[in-house]
Amino acid sequence: NFYRQQLRGARSAIDYLKGRGLSGEIAAKFWIGYAPEGWDSLRQVFTAYDDPVLVESGLVIDRSEEDGSQHKRYDRFRDRIMFPIRNTKGQVIGFGGRVMGAGEPKYLNSPETPLFQKGSELYGLFEARLAIRDKGYVLVTEGYMDVVALAQFGFEQVVATLGTACTPTHVQKLLRQTDQVIFSFDGDAAGRRAARRALEACLPHASDSRTLKFLFLPKEHDPDSYIREHGHQAFEKLVLDSVPLSQFLVNEVIEGKDLSTAEGRARAQFDAKPLLQAMPVSALRLQLLRQLLVLKIDALRYLHGSSPPNLWNRPLPNMALMHFVNHLDLRHDERLHRPVGEVAHLGVVRHPFEVCAEEAERPALVAPLQLVQPLDPALAAE
């Protein structure tokens, strides 16, 4: 409340928010405030300014034990736009502060506290809950201003990570709200690296009933700047055209590799193995196995003067699937003790023996896979 009250009399802060196109309604919805530039402005709120709880909560920094320090105890946030971070119950558990000029760091977050862990919390999730359920998906961005700017333009189903990479805990929390999560990243190298970390965080939660996608903006834009320049409809089209997890995973595996060489194909398979093993047993994982095998078959055809590699929508021979599964050694993944459940219902391969109730109590036993259909002669020649 103190920071919100300070905003009302801070002309520079109000002008900054107006310059970013934010209305008073959006500022009120997100409880946006302003931290004065004084060193100990919070003395106006906390008469016991020396209370250790202020340091533990991250509101105050204590340098009293350091020699030569001019300010022994002072406010962490000074002369910044303040964004309260609320948990899913609406309780304030931390703050993010943004400079209005060219100062550094541009964003300053509360430190880790007993109430606030960056790897578990998402900015804007409390405010976006109803919109997420209404729209059927959540859009994940990388900054506070992205969240409030997109809300200003009608995208209220938006949250942001808190200065850290997306974690499996973030993904799990989002999937409690919706079955469709779309991650938005800048198109530069840093954005691609962040997207790769988000991909790895998503894999343990990927399943046939969930949709996980990735949106990449042009290199010169973030969500805030893009929607201001191109408008609501253009940004909505980007969301609709976002890349499915399966396609992004395959792109990551083959990027920078010469698939016309045995070394390039081997490296692609080597990089794919830990990603596939991180996924739960599902039809989605089987489809990815099929896609990656098509990659190998197409590369072989390309070497023999046929058409160039085509990674998508090609029928997959069963013997080749079995060989690729064996090559990746996924049979030894401890979670693949139910090969029947993963592949038999798709009519591709089956287990050579029945799994009975008694065996369910025993340690997992994985036997070689057995063909349902014979090998295609043309494929054998290749």
Protein backbone atom coordinates (compact mmCIF):
# COMPACT_ATOMS: atom_id res chain seq x y z
CA ASN A 1 0.00 0.00 0.00
CA PHE A 2 2.90 2.37 0.73
CA TYR A 3 4.32 1.96 -2.77
CA ARG A 4 0.90 2.43 -4.35
CA GLN A 5 0.31 5.60 -2.36
CA GLN A 6 3.72 6.94 -3.37
CA LEU A 7 2.87 6.47 -7.04
CA ARG A 8 0.00 8.94 -6.81
CA GLY A 9 2.38 11.80 -6.02
CA ALA A 10 5.31 10.73 -8.22
CA ARG A 11 4.89 12.66 -11.46
CA SER A 12 7.98 11.09 -13.09
CA ALA A 13 6.68 7.58 -12.40
CA ILE A 14 3.19 8.39 -13.67
CA ASP A 15 4.63 9.91 -16.85
CA TYR A 16 6.79 6.83 -17.37
CA LEU A 17 3.82 4.47 -17.10
CA LYS A 18 1.73 6.64 -19.40
CA GLY A 19 4.62 6.70 -21.85
CA ARG A 20 4.55 2.92 -21.88
CA GLY A 21 0.85 3.06 -22.74
CA LEU A 22 -0.47 1.78 -19.41
CA SER A 23 -3.81 2.97 -18.13
CA GLY A 24 -4.76 3.65 -14.54
CA GLU A 25 -6.99 0.59 -14.61
CA ILE A 26 -4.11 -1.73 -15.49
CA ALA A 27 -1.87 -0.13 -12.87
CA ALA A 28 -4.58 -0.66 -10.27
CA LYS A 29 -5.24 -4.26 -11.35
CA PHE A 30 -1.58 -5.21 -10.86
CA TRP A 31 -1.10 -3.01 -7.76
CA ILE A 32 1.75 -1.15 -9.48
CA GLY A 33 3.49 1.39 -7.23
CA TYR A 34 6.61 3.50 -6.83
CA ALA A 35 9.57 3.26 -4.43
CA PRO A 36 10.89 6.77 -3.53
CA GLU A 37 14.55 7.53 -4.16
CA GLY A 38 15.38 8.13 -0.47
CA TRP A 39 17.70 5.66 1.26
CA ASP A 40 15.30 4.79 4.10
CA SER A 41 11.81 5.75 2.94
CA LEU A 42 10.36 2.62 4.55
CA ARG A 43 10.93 4.20 7.98
CA GLN A 44 7.61 5.93 7.30
CA VAL A 45 5.94 2.50 7.32
CA PHE A 46 8.02 0.49 9.78
CA THR A 47 8.82 2.32 12.99
CA ALA A 48 11.04 -0.61 14.01
CA TYR A 49 13.31 -0.11 10.98
CA ASP A 50 16.03 -2.18 12.67
CA ASP A 51 13.80 -5.26 12.83
CA PRO A 52 15.69 -8.26 11.33
CA VAL A 53 12.46 -9.36 9.60
CA LEU A 54 12.84 -6.46 7.14
CA VAL A 55 16.19 -7.87 6.05
CA GLU A 56 14.85 -11.43 5.91
CA SER A 57 11.95 -10.31 3.73
CA GLY A 58 14.32 -8.56 1.32
CA LEU A 59 12.90 -5.06 1.78
CA VAL A 60 15.98 -3.73 3.59
CA ILE A 61 19.72 -4.32 3.10
CA ASP A 62 21.96 -4.35 6.18
CA ARG A 63 25.65 -3.36 5.79
CA SER A 64 26.25 -2.56 9.45
CA GLU A 65 29.01 -5.16 9.73
CA GLU A 66 30.97 -3.75 6.79
CA ASP A 67 33.65 -1.15 7.50
CA GLY A 68 33.44 2.13 5.63
CA SER A 69 29.85 1.75 4.56
CA GLN A 70 28.16 5.17 4.46
CA HIS A 71 24.66 3.73 4.70
CA LYS A 72 24.58 0.89 7.21
CA ARG A 73 20.92 -0.01 6.65
CA TYR A 74 18.86 1.09 3.65
CA ASP A 75 15.91 0.26 1.41
CA ARG A 76 16.56 -2.33 -1.32
CA PHE A 77 14.18 -0.64 -3.76
CA ARG A 78 14.77 3.05 -4.49
CA ASP A 79 13.41 5.20 -7.33
CA ARG A 80 11.83 2.28 -9.14
CA ILE A 81 8.45 1.27 -10.51
CA MET A 82 7.27 -1.47 -8.16
CA PHE A 83 5.49 -4.66 -9.22
CA PRO A 84 4.13 -6.71 -6.30
CA ILE A 85 4.52 -10.46 -6.78
CA ARG A 86 1.52 -12.36 -5.46
CA ASN A 87 1.04 -16.05 -4.86
CA THR A 88 -2.03 -17.94 -6.06
CA LYS A 89 -3.92 -16.81 -2.95
CA GLY A 90 -3.31 -13.15 -3.79
CA GLN A 91 -0.82 -12.57 -0.96
CA VAL A 92 2.21 -10.37 -1.69
CA ILE A 93 5.33 -12.49 -1.28
CA GLY A 94 7.93 -10.34 -3.05
CA PHE A 95 8.57 -7.38 -5.32
CA GLY A 96 10.10 -6.55 -8.64
CA GLY A 97 11.41 -3.05 -9.27
CA ARG A 98 12.14 -1.49 -12.67
CA VAL A 99 14.29 1.56 -13.29
CA MET A 100 12.70 4.36 -15.30
CA GLY A 101 15.91 5.45 -16.98
CA ALA A 102 19.15 3.85 -18.07
CA GLY A 103 20.23 2.53 -14.67
CA GLU A 104 21.32 -1.01 -13.89
CA PRO A 105 20.05 -3.52 -13.15
CA LYS A 106 16.97 -2.78 -15.23
CA TYR A 107 14.94 -5.22 -13.13
CA LEU A 108 15.62 -5.88 -9.45
CA ASN A 109 13.79 -8.70 -7.68
CA SER A 110 13.35 -9.56 -4.04
CA PRO A 111 15.93 -12.12 -2.91
CA GLU A 112 15.00 -15.68 -2.06
CA THR A 113 13.08 -15.76 1.22
CA PRO A 114 11.05 -18.35 3.16
CA LEU A 115 7.99 -17.04 1.29
CA PHE A 116 9.46 -16.36 -2.15
CA GLN A 117 11.36 -18.75 -4.42
CA LYS A 118 11.92 -17.55 -7.97
CA GLY A 119 11.97 -21.07 -9.35
CA SER A 120 8.44 -21.70 -8.09
CA GLU A 121 6.57 -18.41 -8.58
CA LEU A 122 5.24 -16.65 -11.66
CA TYR A 123 4.40 -12.98 -11.96
CA GLY A 124 0.78 -12.29 -12.87
CA LEU A 125 -0.58 -15.79 -12.28
CA PHE A 126 -3.03 -14.64 -9.63
CA GLU A 127 -4.34 -11.86 -11.88
CA ALA A 128 -4.50 -14.13 -14.95
CA ARG A 129 -6.32 -17.13 -13.44
CA LEU A 130 -9.80 -16.35 -14.75
CA ALA A 131 -8.56 -15.30 -18.20
CA ILE A 132 -6.51 -18.51 -18.51
CA ARG A 133 -9.59 -20.61 -17.88
CA ASP A 134 -11.66 -18.49 -20.24
CA LYS A 135 -9.15 -18.53 -23.14
CA GLY A 136 -8.00 -22.10 -22.59
CA TYR A 137 -4.27 -21.38 -22.57
CA VAL A 138 -1.56 -19.41 -20.78
CA LEU A 139 1.20 -17.38 -22.42
CA VAL A 140 4.54 -17.29 -20.57
CA THR A 141 6.81 -14.27 -21.08
CA GLU A 142 10.10 -13.06 -19.59
CA GLY A 143 9.27 -9.69 -17.97
CA TYR A 144 6.78 -7.76 -15.85
CA MET A 145 6.24 -5.13 -18.54
CA ASP A 146 5.35 -7.85 -21.06
CA VAL A 147 2.58 -9.04 -18.74
CA VAL A 148 1.05 -5.62 -18.07
CA ALA A 149 1.48 -4.39 -21.65
CA LEU A 150 -0.22 -7.46 -23.11
CA ALA A 151 -3.00 -7.11 -20.53
CA GLN A 152 -3.45 -3.52 -21.71
CA PHE A 153 -4.01 -4.85 -25.25
CA GLY A 154 -6.48 -7.53 -24.22
CA PHE A 155 -4.17 -10.50 -23.55
CA GLU A 156 -4.89 -11.09 -19.88
CA GLN A 157 -3.89 -14.79 -19.86
CA VAL A 158 -0.18 -13.90 -19.53
CA VAL A 159 2.41 -14.59 -16.83
CA ALA A 160 6.18 -14.08 -16.55
CA THR A 161 9.12 -15.86 -14.99
CA LEU A 162 11.01 -13.89 -12.36
CA GLY A 163 14.47 -13.35 -13.75
CA THR A 164 15.24 -17.05 -13.86
CA ALA A 165 14.93 -19.87 -16.36
CA CYS A 166 11.65 -21.74 -16.59
CA THR A 167 11.65 -24.74 -14.24
CA PRO A 168 9.64 -27.99 -14.09
CA THR A 169 7.89 -26.51 -11.05
CA HIS A 170 6.75 -23.55 -13.16
CA VAL A 171 5.40 -25.90 -15.82
CA GLN A 172 3.61 -28.05 -13.24
CA LYS A 173 2.01 -24.99 -11.67
CA LEU A 174 0.80 -23.75 -15.06
CA LEU A 175 -0.61 -27.14 -16.03
CA ARG A 176 -2.81 -27.01 -12.94
CA GLN A 177 -4.52 -24.04 -14.58
CA THR A 178 -4.76 -25.24 -18.19
CA ASP A 179 -3.72 -28.03 -20.55
CA GLN A 180 -2.19 -25.61 -23.08
CA VAL A 181 0.96 -23.60 -22.30
CA ILE A 182 2.67 -21.32 -24.84
CA PHE A 183 6.14 -19.93 -24.13
CA SER A 184 7.12 -16.63 -25.73
CA PHE A 185 10.79 -15.82 -26.33
CA ASP A 186 12.79 -13.13 -28.06
CA GLY A 187 14.27 -14.26 -31.36
CA ASP A 188 17.89 -13.56 -30.42
CA ALA A 189 20.47 -16.07 -29.19
CA ALA A 190 19.59 -15.48 -25.54
CA GLY A 191 15.94 -16.16 -26.32
CA ARG A 192 16.83 -19.43 -28.04
CA ARG A 193 18.87 -20.54 -25.04
CA ALA A 194 15.99 -19.69 -22.71
CA ALA A 195 13.62 -21.62 -24.97
CA ARG A 196 15.88 -24.68 -24.82
CA ARG A 197 15.82 -24.58 -21.01
CA ALA A 198 12.03 -24.26 -21.10
CA LEU A 199 11.87 -27.26 -23.44
CA GLU A 200 13.86 -29.35 -20.98
CA ALA A 201 11.59 -28.21 -18.14
CA CYS A 202 8.51 -29.24 -20.16
CA LEU A 203 9.60 -32.75 -21.16
CA PRO A 204 8.76 -34.52 -17.86
CA HIS A 205 5.23 -33.09 -18.12
CA ALA A 206 4.62 -33.66 -21.84
CA SER A 207 1.74 -36.02 -22.48
CA ASP A 208 -0.90 -36.84 -25.06
CA SER A 209 -3.52 -34.67 -23.35
CA ARG A 210 -1.38 -31.53 -23.04
CA THR A 211 -0.27 -28.97 -25.60
CA LEU A 212 3.07 -27.22 -25.10
CA LYS A 213 4.18 -24.66 -27.70
CA PHE A 214 6.93 -22.12 -28.34
CA LEU A 215 6.57 -18.65 -29.86
CA PHE A 216 9.61 -16.82 -31.24
CA LEU A 217 9.44 -13.10 -31.87
CA PRO A 218 11.59 -11.21 -34.40
CA LYS A 219 15.06 -10.45 -33.02
CA GLU A 220 14.37 -6.76 -32.55
CA HIS A 221 11.21 -7.26 -30.47
CA ASP A 222 9.90 -8.43 -27.13
CA PRO A 223 6.15 -8.98 -26.57
CA ASP A 224 5.70 -5.44 -25.25
CA SER A 225 7.30 -3.73 -28.26
CA TYR A 226 5.78 -6.09 -30.81
CA ILE A 227 2.18 -5.64 -29.77
CA ARG A 228 2.60 -1.86 -29.61
CA GLU A 229 4.03 -1.72 -33.11
CA HIS A 230 1.89 -4.36 -34.84
CA GLY A 231 -1.27 -4.52 -32.75
CA HIS A 232 -3.51 -7.17 -31.20
CA GLN A 233 -4.34 -9.16 -34.33
CA ALA A 234 -0.71 -9.53 -35.44
CA PHE A 235 0.33 -10.76 -32.02
CA GLU A 236 -2.62 -13.14 -31.88
CA LYS A 237 -1.50 -14.63 -35.20
CA LEU A 238 1.95 -15.25 -33.72
CA VAL A 239 0.32 -17.10 -30.85
CA LEU A 240 -1.77 -19.23 -33.23
CA ASP A 241 1.33 -20.04 -35.33
CA SER A 242 3.50 -21.03 -32.36
CA VAL A 243 5.68 -24.14 -32.75
CA PRO A 244 4.60 -27.41 -31.07
CA LEU A 245 7.01 -29.00 -28.61
CA SER A 246 7.59 -31.95 -30.93
CA GLN A 247 8.68 -29.76 -33.82
CA PHE A 248 10.88 -27.58 -31.62
CA LEU A 249 12.56 -30.66 -30.14
CA VAL A 250 13.39 -32.08 -33.56
CA ASN A 251 14.66 -28.69 -34.75
CA GLU A 252 16.94 -28.49 -31.71
CA VAL A 253 18.28 -31.99 -32.30
CA ILE A 254 19.18 -31.46 -35.97
CA GLU A 255 20.31 -27.82 -35.82
CA GLY A 256 23.88 -27.33 -36.97
CA LYS A 257 24.37 -30.96 -37.98
CA ASP A 258 25.27 -32.29 -41.42
CA LEU A 259 22.68 -35.02 -41.88
CA SER A 260 24.38 -36.22 -45.07
CA THR A 261 27.18 -37.67 -42.93
CA ALA A 262 27.15 -40.61 -40.55
CA GLU A 263 28.70 -38.37 -37.90
CA GLY A 264 25.96 -35.78 -38.21
CA ARG A 265 23.21 -38.36 -37.95
CA ALA A 266 24.91 -40.06 -35.02
CA ARG A 267 25.23 -36.75 -33.20
CA ALA A 268 21.55 -36.00 -33.77
CA GLN A 269 20.60 -39.37 -32.28
CA PHE A 270 22.99 -38.82 -29.37
CA ASP A 271 21.41 -35.42 -28.59
CA ALA A 272 17.89 -36.82 -28.92
CA LYS A 273 18.36 -39.66 -26.44
CA PRO A 274 18.31 -37.69 -23.11
CA LEU A 275 15.41 -35.55 -24.32
CA LEU A 276 13.28 -38.55 -25.21
CA GLN A 277 14.20 -40.34 -21.99
CA ALA A 278 13.01 -37.30 -20.01
CA MET A 279 9.50 -37.73 -21.44
CA PRO A 280 6.89 -39.99 -19.88
CA VAL A 281 5.77 -43.03 -21.85
CA SER A 282 3.15 -41.79 -24.30
CA ALA A 283 2.02 -41.79 -27.91
CA LEU A 284 3.70 -38.38 -28.24
CA ARG A 285 7.08 -39.87 -27.45
CA LEU A 286 6.49 -42.66 -29.95
CA GLN A 287 5.63 -40.09 -32.62
CA LEU A 288 8.90 -38.30 -31.90
CA LEU A 289 10.77 -41.59 -32.26
CA ARG A 290 9.09 -42.10 -35.62
CA GLN A 291 9.98 -38.56 -36.75
CA LEU A 292 13.60 -38.95 -35.76
CA LEU A 293 13.83 -42.26 -37.55
CA VAL A 294 12.39 -40.72 -40.70
CA LEU A 295 15.24 -38.24 -40.38
CA LYS A 296 17.73 -41.10 -40.62
CA ILE A 297 15.91 -42.87 -43.47
CA ASP A 298 15.61 -39.63 -45.47
CA ALA A 299 19.28 -38.86 -44.94
CA LEU A 300 20.20 -42.28 -46.36
CA ARG A 301 17.96 -41.70 -49.37
CA TYR A 302 19.53 -38.28 -49.85
CA LEU A 303 23.00 -39.86 -49.87
CA HIS A 304 21.89 -42.21 -52.66
CA GLY A 305 20.70 -39.34 -54.86
CA SER A 306 17.03 -39.36 -53.98
CA SER A 307 14.95 -36.40 -52.80
CA PRO A 308 16.32 -34.08 -50.07
CA PRO A 309 15.44 -34.81 -46.42
CA ASN A 310 11.82 -34.40 -45.48
CA LEU A 311 11.26 -34.67 -41.73
CA TRP A 312 7.50 -34.73 -41.60
CA ASN A 313 4.55 -36.95 -42.47
CA ARG A 314 6.25 -40.00 -43.96
CA PRO A 315 5.11 -43.59 -43.26
CA LEU A 316 7.54 -45.40 -40.99
CA PRO A 317 8.53 -49.08 -41.53
CA ASN A 318 8.25 -51.17 -38.40
CA MET A 319 11.69 -52.81 -38.57
CA ALA A 320 13.27 -49.40 -38.82
CA LEU A 321 11.34 -48.22 -35.79
CA MET A 322 12.53 -51.23 -33.80
CA HIS A 323 16.13 -50.66 -34.85
CA PHE A 324 15.98 -46.98 -33.94
CA VAL A 325 14.45 -47.69 -30.53
CA ASN A 326 17.20 -50.20 -29.87
CA HIS A 327 19.88 -47.82 -31.10
CA LEU A 328 18.69 -45.09 -28.73
CA ASP A 329 18.71 -47.70 -25.97
CA LEU A 330 15.36 -46.45 -24.70
CA ARG A 331 14.52 -50.05 -23.80
CA HIS A 332 16.79 -49.59 -20.79
CA ASP A 333 14.93 -46.53 -19.57
CA GLU A 334 13.50 -47.57 -16.21
CA ARG A 335 10.13 -46.11 -17.13
CA LEU A 336 9.83 -48.25 -20.27
CA HIS A 337 8.85 -51.35 -18.33
CA ARG A 338 5.45 -51.14 -20.01
CA PRO A 339 6.27 -51.39 -23.74
CA VAL A 340 2.81 -52.81 -24.36
CA GLY A 341 1.18 -49.63 -23.10
CA GLU A 342 3.40 -47.42 -25.22
CA VAL A 343 3.25 -49.06 -28.62
CA ALA A 344 0.93 -52.06 -28.92
CA HIS A 345 -2.27 -50.01 -29.06
CA LEU A 346 -0.86 -48.13 -32.06
CA GLY A 347 -0.36 -51.40 -33.95
CA VAL A 348 3.35 -50.85 -34.54
CA VAL A 349 5.23 -53.29 -32.32
CA ARG A 350 4.27 -55.59 -29.48
CA HIS A 351 5.87 -57.36 -26.55
CA PRO A 352 6.67 -61.05 -27.22
CA PHE A 353 5.06 -62.26 -24.00
CA GLU A 354 1.97 -61.43 -21.99
CA VAL A 355 2.30 -59.27 -18.90
CA CYS A 356 0.30 -60.99 -16.19
CA ALA A 357 -0.80 -59.75 -12.79
CA GLU A 358 1.89 -61.75 -10.98
CA GLU A 359 4.66 -60.14 -13.02
CA ALA A 360 3.41 -56.68 -12.17
CA GLU A 361 4.76 -57.20 -8.65
CA ARG A 362 8.20 -58.20 -9.89
CA PRO A 363 11.10 -55.91 -10.95
CA ALA A 364 10.66 -54.44 -14.42
CA LEU A 365 11.69 -56.79 -17.23
CA VAL A 366 12.23 -55.48 -20.72
CA ALA A 367 12.52 -57.98 -23.55
CA PRO A 368 13.40 -57.24 -27.18
CA LEU A 369 10.60 -55.86 -29.31
CA GLN A 370 8.96 -58.09 -31.90
CA LEU A 371 7.69 -57.18 -35.34
CA VAL A 372 4.01 -57.14 -36.24
CA GLN A 373 4.58 -56.61 -39.97
CA PRO A 374 7.44 -57.83 -42.21
CA LEU A 375 10.21 -55.53 -43.38
CA ASP A 376 9.56 -53.73 -46.65
CA PRO A 377 11.94 -55.11 -49.34
CA ALA A 378 12.71 -51.65 -50.69
CA LEU A 379 13.77 -50.49 -47.25
CA ALA A 380 15.93 -53.62 -46.83
CA ALA A 381 17.74 -52.74 -50.07
CA GLU A 382 18.45 -49.24 -48.73
